[in-house]
Amino acid sequence: MNLTHRFHLALVTLGFLALSSPVVRAGVTIYQTNYHGWPDSYVLSNGEVAAVVVPALGRVMQFGYVGEQGVFWENRSLDGRIADGELTVWAAKDWVNFGGDKTWPSPESDWSVFTSRKGWRPPPAFDGWPSGVKIDGKTLTLYSAEDPFFTTIAERRIRLHARKPQLEITTTYRRTRGEPAVIGIWVITQLKEPAGLYAPVPKKSVFKDGYTLLIPMPPPSLKVENGLLSLVRNPKSPHKIGLDADSLLWVGEKHVLRIDSPRVKGGDYPDQGSSTEIYTAADPLPYIELETLGPLHQMKAGDTIKRSNVYTLSRRTQSTPEAEARAILKR
């Protein structure tokens, strides 16, 4: 490791990408760091943006411009902790929300069928057990253990674009054994409090109003106008809507994150036909979720399914969040 990387590494350890020295953009670098108390974490950087991967939690924990705060939401009260991995503990305790970007199997409504667990809780290998790491050139791959209930392994191939502020994560599920079962790939990205959330409404949406309610009470700020759906977080109560949009946008005070994951024509989607979803949490945890879902598949032993998300960062240039969203969607 050269002196530049050592300096960069020391600063990353103090906080997210607190880099004050000039950066030479010469492709993508991957190096190990201690991130908020997780010692075996990794940073992928192209000099403009960087992503932080925490294998102890099996997720991408942060994404942002170098030298600035990232856009992913993190539960900083849990710094350095790990989830309860033992099955006996997993069965007894409640879920812990760390934040970041992760994958769960869908449909969510079938979890208890696989786990025989009363109450809500993600299957442990998808959210609780640490992941292995494989680095191949400029690509880092997280791979889970076999989930004992879904008998499925999840791999997440993480790549930064060499010259653009863009992150691509390709998620693959491989069924290792067991009777055929219906499973889909679901990716959940938790983000900080937004100035606005947006999604383009397809001209021929599968939903009458361009969306469907997944929690009965609609968000008070929800509106659809000139082909654009918008809302903000309601601090008093949670809300969730399903969509058939190919893109979701988070607009902050300074930055914008666009997530692209095109819908598969004719695919069988969960949650009333949703291929994208927006969830907004109530206080005291001020976060939102932009979620993408792949089609459901009947998986038998040896089968694999794959889904890619592209995350593109940009800086605010428009005076209002809505104007920013419309400008980005025109590009």
Protein backbone atom coordinates (compact mmCIF):
# COMPACT_ATOMS: atom_id res chain seq x y z
CA MET A 1 0.00 0.00 0.00
CA ASN A 2 1.53 3.36 -0.99
CA LEU A 3 1.54 6.52 1.14
CA THR A 4 -1.45 8.02 -0.68
CA HIS A 5 -3.57 4.97 0.10
CA ARG A 6 -2.39 4.92 3.72
CA PHE A 7 -3.40 8.55 4.11
CA HIS A 8 -6.74 7.87 2.45
CA LEU A 9 -7.30 4.81 4.64
CA ALA A 10 -6.59 6.71 7.86
CA LEU A 11 -9.07 9.41 6.94
CA VAL A 12 -11.75 6.91 5.98
CA THR A 13 -11.36 5.30 9.40
CA LEU A 14 -12.24 8.61 11.07
CA GLY A 15 -15.47 9.06 9.16
CA PHE A 16 -17.05 8.54 5.78
CA LEU A 17 -14.53 9.53 3.14
CA ALA A 18 -13.29 12.64 4.92
CA LEU A 19 -10.69 13.19 2.23
CA SER A 20 -9.30 16.70 2.00
CA SER A 21 -6.27 16.17 -0.28
CA PRO A 22 -6.53 16.26 -4.08
CA VAL A 23 -7.43 12.96 -5.70
CA VAL A 24 -6.04 11.70 -8.96
CA ARG A 25 -8.78 9.86 -10.85
CA ALA A 26 -7.07 6.85 -12.36
CA GLY A 27 -9.69 4.12 -12.35
CA VAL A 28 -11.11 2.19 -9.42
CA THR A 29 -9.22 1.22 -6.28
CA ILE A 30 -10.38 -1.24 -3.60
CA TYR A 31 -8.83 -1.29 -0.16
CA GLN A 32 -9.64 -2.46 3.36
CA THR A 33 -10.55 -0.19 6.26
CA ASN A 34 -12.09 0.01 9.71
CA TYR A 35 -15.49 1.60 9.14
CA HIS A 36 -17.28 2.84 12.27
CA GLY A 37 -15.97 -0.09 14.30
CA TRP A 38 -16.25 -2.81 11.62
CA PRO A 39 -12.54 -3.57 11.01
CA ASP A 40 -12.80 -5.78 7.91
CA SER A 41 -14.68 -3.37 5.68
CA TYR A 42 -13.82 -2.23 2.15
CA VAL A 43 -13.85 1.01 0.18
CA LEU A 44 -14.30 1.11 -3.59
CA SER A 45 -13.32 4.52 -5.00
CA ASN A 46 -12.84 6.04 -8.43
CA GLY A 47 -11.59 9.31 -6.93
CA GLU A 48 -14.94 11.08 -7.42
CA VAL A 49 -17.31 8.77 -5.55
CA ALA A 50 -16.83 5.86 -3.18
CA ALA A 51 -18.85 2.98 -1.76
CA VAL A 52 -18.27 1.35 1.63
CA VAL A 53 -18.93 -2.39 1.95
CA VAL A 54 -19.31 -4.01 5.38
CA PRO A 55 -19.14 -7.81 5.05
CA ALA A 56 -19.86 -8.24 8.78
CA LEU A 57 -23.37 -6.98 7.97
CA GLY A 58 -23.54 -8.36 4.43
CA ARG A 59 -24.33 -5.03 2.80
CA VAL A 60 -23.16 -1.87 1.10
CA MET A 61 -23.24 0.60 3.95
CA GLN A 62 -22.54 3.92 2.22
CA PHE A 63 -22.25 5.64 -1.16
CA GLY A 64 -21.29 9.25 -1.80
CA TYR A 65 -18.91 11.81 -3.19
CA VAL A 66 -15.38 11.62 -1.80
CA GLY A 67 -14.91 14.22 0.94
CA GLU A 68 -18.67 14.63 1.52
CA GLN A 69 -21.37 12.87 3.49
CA GLY A 70 -22.87 9.86 1.74
CA VAL A 71 -26.55 9.54 0.90
CA PHE A 72 -27.32 6.14 2.45
CA TRP A 73 -28.95 6.13 5.88
CA GLU A 74 -27.01 4.45 8.68
CA ASN A 75 -28.18 3.70 12.20
CA ARG A 76 -25.13 5.15 13.94
CA SER A 77 -26.32 3.93 17.35
CA LEU A 78 -25.32 0.44 16.15
CA ASP A 79 -21.75 1.26 15.07
CA GLY A 80 -19.47 -1.77 15.31
CA ARG A 81 -22.22 -4.17 16.33
CA ILE A 82 -23.11 -7.34 14.50
CA ALA A 83 -26.51 -8.97 14.17
CA ASP A 84 -27.50 -12.00 16.21
CA GLY A 85 -26.48 -14.84 13.93
CA GLU A 86 -27.27 -17.95 15.95
CA LEU A 87 -30.57 -19.52 15.00
CA THR A 88 -31.68 -19.89 18.62
CA VAL A 89 -31.11 -16.17 19.21
CA TRP A 90 -32.54 -15.21 15.81
CA ALA A 91 -35.79 -17.00 16.65
CA ALA A 92 -36.20 -15.13 19.93
CA LYS A 93 -35.11 -11.55 19.30
CA ASP A 94 -36.43 -8.68 17.23
CA TRP A 95 -34.89 -7.40 14.01
CA VAL A 96 -32.09 -4.81 14.19
CA ASN A 97 -32.07 -2.08 11.54
CA PHE A 98 -28.49 -1.16 10.56
CA GLY A 99 -29.27 0.77 7.35
CA GLY A 100 -27.42 0.69 4.02
CA ASP A 101 -28.27 -1.38 0.94
CA LYS A 102 -29.17 -5.08 1.22
CA THR A 103 -31.14 -7.87 -0.43
CA TRP A 104 -34.03 -9.96 0.89
CA PRO A 105 -36.01 -12.70 -0.87
CA SER A 106 -39.53 -11.94 -1.99
CA PRO A 107 -42.42 -12.30 -1.55
CA GLU A 108 -42.19 -11.01 2.00
CA SER A 109 -45.58 -12.54 2.76
CA ASP A 110 -44.09 -16.05 2.34
CA TRP A 111 -41.25 -15.68 4.87
CA SER A 112 -43.13 -17.40 7.67
CA VAL A 113 -43.93 -20.32 5.34
CA PHE A 114 -40.18 -20.97 4.97
CA THR A 115 -39.03 -20.09 8.52
CA SER A 116 -42.06 -21.22 10.58
CA ARG A 117 -41.37 -18.15 12.70
CA LYS A 118 -44.26 -16.21 14.16
CA GLY A 119 -43.94 -12.49 13.63
CA TRP A 120 -41.94 -10.50 11.11
CA ARG A 121 -38.24 -11.24 10.64
CA PRO A 122 -36.02 -11.52 7.52
CA PRO A 123 -34.32 -14.91 6.97
CA PRO A 124 -30.94 -14.85 8.79
CA ALA A 125 -28.44 -15.47 5.97
CA PHE A 126 -29.98 -12.55 4.05
CA ASP A 127 -29.98 -10.20 7.05
CA GLY A 128 -28.01 -11.21 10.09
CA TRP A 129 -25.11 -13.43 9.15
CA PRO A 130 -21.82 -12.02 7.81
CA SER A 131 -20.90 -12.46 4.15
CA GLY A 132 -17.73 -13.74 2.54
CA VAL A 133 -15.72 -11.49 0.22
CA LYS A 134 -14.14 -12.11 -3.15
CA ILE A 135 -12.13 -9.44 -5.01
CA ASP A 136 -11.47 -9.88 -8.71
CA GLY A 137 -9.72 -6.91 -10.29
CA LYS A 138 -12.00 -3.89 -9.80
CA THR A 139 -14.98 -5.93 -8.63
CA LEU A 140 -15.90 -6.90 -5.07
CA THR A 141 -18.43 -9.69 -4.51
CA LEU A 142 -20.24 -10.44 -1.26
CA TYR A 143 -21.53 -13.99 -0.91
CA SER A 144 -23.78 -15.20 1.87
CA ALA A 145 -23.92 -18.52 3.63
CA GLU A 146 -26.71 -20.85 2.57
CA ASP A 147 -29.86 -19.69 4.28
CA PRO A 148 -31.15 -22.61 6.37
CA PHE A 149 -34.76 -21.90 5.46
CA PHE A 150 -34.61 -20.77 1.83
CA THR A 151 -31.63 -23.08 1.06
CA THR A 152 -30.40 -20.26 -1.15
CA ILE A 153 -27.10 -18.35 -1.42
CA ALA A 154 -27.07 -14.64 -2.32
CA GLU A 155 -24.16 -13.05 -4.20
CA ARG A 156 -23.81 -9.31 -4.73
CA ARG A 157 -21.31 -8.17 -7.38
CA ILE A 158 -20.34 -4.56 -6.64
CA ARG A 159 -18.65 -2.35 -9.23
CA LEU A 160 -17.91 1.37 -9.54
CA HIS A 161 -17.74 3.00 -12.94
CA ALA A 162 -14.15 4.07 -13.63
CA ARG A 163 -15.08 7.63 -14.69
CA LYS A 164 -18.68 8.31 -13.63
CA PRO A 165 -20.37 8.76 -10.23
CA GLN A 166 -22.11 5.44 -10.73
CA LEU A 167 -22.37 2.20 -8.77
CA GLU A 168 -23.71 -1.07 -10.14
CA ILE A 169 -24.79 -3.97 -7.93
CA THR A 170 -25.77 -7.27 -9.53
CA THR A 171 -27.57 -9.61 -7.15
CA THR A 172 -27.69 -13.35 -7.86
CA TYR A 173 -29.61 -16.01 -5.93
CA ARG A 174 -28.60 -19.66 -6.26
CA ARG A 175 -30.88 -22.37 -4.89
CA THR A 176 -28.69 -25.10 -3.43
CA ARG A 177 -31.25 -27.76 -2.48
CA GLY A 178 -34.84 -28.35 -1.48
CA GLU A 179 -38.21 -28.67 -3.16
CA PRO A 180 -39.13 -26.12 -5.86
CA ALA A 181 -40.19 -22.78 -4.37
CA VAL A 182 -41.30 -19.38 -5.66
CA ILE A 183 -38.62 -16.77 -4.91
CA GLY A 184 -37.73 -13.31 -6.24
CA ILE A 185 -34.88 -10.86 -5.71
CA TRP A 186 -35.70 -7.82 -3.61
CA VAL A 187 -33.17 -5.00 -3.03
CA ILE A 188 -33.72 -2.43 -0.29
CA THR A 189 -31.77 0.85 -0.21
CA GLN A 190 -32.19 2.94 2.92
CA LEU A 191 -31.55 6.65 2.42
CA LYS A 192 -31.41 9.78 4.53
CA GLU A 193 -34.28 12.25 4.95
CA PRO A 194 -35.07 13.55 1.43
CA ALA A 195 -36.17 16.90 0.13
CA GLY A 196 -38.36 14.85 -2.22
CA LEU A 197 -38.92 11.36 -3.62
CA TYR A 198 -39.93 10.82 -7.25
CA ALA A 199 -40.76 8.16 -9.81
CA PRO A 200 -41.82 8.43 -13.46
CA VAL A 201 -45.25 6.92 -14.06
CA PRO A 202 -45.36 4.72 -17.19
CA LYS A 203 -47.89 5.84 -19.81
CA LYS A 204 -49.48 2.40 -19.59
CA SER A 205 -49.05 1.71 -15.89
CA VAL A 206 -50.38 -1.58 -14.56
CA PHE A 207 -51.91 0.45 -11.73
CA LYS A 208 -54.99 2.58 -12.22
CA ASP A 209 -53.53 5.58 -10.39
CA GLY A 210 -49.90 4.87 -11.31
CA TYR A 211 -49.27 3.25 -7.91
CA THR A 212 -50.80 0.88 -5.37
CA LEU A 213 -51.00 1.27 -1.59
CA LEU A 214 -49.08 -1.37 0.35
CA ILE A 215 -49.96 0.26 3.68
CA PRO A 216 -53.65 1.26 3.68
CA MET A 217 -53.20 4.94 4.59
CA PRO A 218 -51.80 6.96 1.64
CA PRO A 219 -48.93 9.36 2.26
CA PRO A 220 -50.41 12.85 2.81
CA SER A 221 -47.96 14.41 0.32
CA LEU A 222 -48.46 11.82 -2.45
CA LYS A 223 -49.35 13.25 -5.85
CA VAL A 224 -49.09 12.32 -9.52
CA GLU A 225 -48.74 15.25 -11.90
CA ASN A 226 -47.67 15.33 -15.56
CA GLY A 227 -46.30 11.81 -15.43
CA LEU A 228 -44.31 12.26 -12.22
CA LEU A 229 -45.16 10.74 -8.83
CA SER A 230 -43.83 12.58 -5.80
CA LEU A 231 -43.95 12.47 -2.01
CA VAL A 232 -41.95 13.36 1.11
CA ARG A 233 -41.51 11.50 4.40
CA ASN A 234 -44.31 11.84 6.94
CA PRO A 235 -42.66 11.95 10.41
CA LYS A 236 -45.89 10.89 12.13
CA SER A 237 -46.63 7.57 10.40
CA PRO A 238 -45.06 5.04 7.99
CA HIS A 239 -46.26 4.66 4.41
CA LYS A 240 -45.51 2.31 1.52
CA ILE A 241 -46.52 2.33 -2.12
CA GLY A 242 -45.90 -0.08 -4.99
CA LEU A 243 -45.00 1.06 -8.52
CA ASP A 244 -44.13 -0.26 -11.97
CA ALA A 245 -41.54 2.47 -12.65
CA ASP A 246 -38.09 1.62 -14.00
CA SER A 247 -36.43 4.41 -12.00
CA LEU A 248 -36.66 5.88 -8.49
CA LEU A 249 -35.17 9.22 -7.43
CA TRP A 250 -34.06 10.50 -4.06
CA VAL A 251 -33.48 14.26 -4.06
CA GLY A 252 -31.59 15.74 -1.12
CA GLU A 253 -30.54 19.28 -0.31
CA LYS A 254 -27.29 18.97 -2.29
CA HIS A 255 -27.30 15.61 -4.04
CA VAL A 256 -29.55 13.33 -6.09
CA LEU A 257 -29.51 9.54 -6.27
CA ARG A 258 -31.20 7.78 -9.18
CA ILE A 259 -31.75 4.01 -9.02
CA ASP A 260 -32.48 2.22 -12.29
CA SER A 261 -33.75 -1.35 -12.49
CA PRO A 262 -35.93 -1.93 -15.57
CA ARG A 263 -39.13 -3.94 -15.24
CA VAL A 264 -39.25 -7.24 -17.12
CA LYS A 265 -42.18 -7.27 -19.54
CA GLY A 266 -44.62 -10.02 -18.66
CA GLY A 267 -42.88 -10.80 -15.35
CA ASP A 268 -44.81 -12.11 -12.36
CA TYR A 269 -44.23 -9.54 -9.61
CA PRO A 270 -45.14 -9.65 -5.89
CA ASP A 271 -47.03 -7.03 -3.87
CA GLN A 272 -49.93 -6.61 -6.32
CA GLY A 273 -47.54 -6.47 -9.29
CA SER A 274 -44.93 -4.05 -7.91
CA SER A 275 -41.45 -3.93 -9.44
CA THR A 276 -40.41 -0.86 -7.43
CA GLU A 277 -41.55 0.38 -4.03
CA ILE A 278 -41.13 3.42 -1.81
CA TYR A 279 -41.29 3.17 1.97
CA THR A 280 -41.09 6.14 4.33
CA ALA A 281 -40.44 5.53 8.02
CA ALA A 282 -41.92 7.50 10.89
CA ASP A 283 -39.87 9.15 13.64
CA PRO A 284 -37.67 8.50 15.53
CA LEU A 285 -35.69 6.94 12.63
CA PRO A 286 -35.78 9.50 9.78
CA TYR A 287 -35.08 7.28 6.78
CA ILE A 288 -36.77 6.17 3.60
CA GLU A 289 -36.40 3.10 1.40
CA LEU A 290 -36.19 2.87 -2.37
CA GLU A 291 -36.81 -0.76 -3.25
CA THR A 292 -36.54 -2.76 -6.47
CA LEU A 293 -38.03 -6.20 -7.09
CA GLY A 294 -37.36 -8.77 -9.77
CA PRO A 295 -39.96 -11.19 -11.15
CA LEU A 296 -40.88 -14.24 -9.11
CA HIS A 297 -39.39 -17.55 -10.26
CA GLN A 298 -40.11 -21.16 -9.45
CA MET A 299 -36.63 -22.15 -8.24
CA LYS A 300 -35.42 -25.73 -7.88
CA ALA A 301 -32.04 -26.96 -6.70
CA GLY A 302 -29.30 -25.60 -8.96
CA ASP A 303 -31.37 -22.72 -10.39
CA THR A 304 -30.08 -19.14 -10.38
CA ILE A 305 -31.79 -15.79 -10.86
CA LYS A 306 -30.11 -12.41 -11.36
CA ARG A 307 -31.01 -8.72 -11.06
CA SER A 308 -28.96 -5.51 -11.48
CA ASN A 309 -29.40 -2.06 -9.96
CA VAL A 310 -27.54 1.02 -11.21
CA TYR A 311 -27.10 3.87 -8.69
CA THR A 312 -26.17 7.24 -10.20
CA LEU A 313 -25.20 10.24 -8.06
CA SER A 314 -25.41 13.84 -9.21
CA ARG A 315 -25.30 17.29 -7.67
CA ARG A 316 -28.35 19.53 -7.38
CA THR A 317 -28.55 22.17 -10.09
CA GLN A 318 -32.25 23.13 -10.00
CA SER A 319 -34.00 25.43 -7.54
CA THR A 320 -36.68 22.92 -6.48
CA PRO A 321 -36.59 19.15 -5.89
CA GLU A 322 -39.33 18.57 -8.49
CA ALA A 323 -37.50 20.58 -11.14
CA GLU A 324 -34.39 18.54 -10.35
CA ALA A 325 -36.26 15.26 -10.74
CA ARG A 326 -37.81 16.26 -14.05
CA ALA A 327 -34.47 17.46 -15.40
CA ILE A 328 -32.73 14.19 -14.48
CA LEU A 329 -35.47 12.04 -15.99
CA LYS A 330 -35.17 13.92 -19.29
CA ARG A 331 -31.48 12.97 -19.63
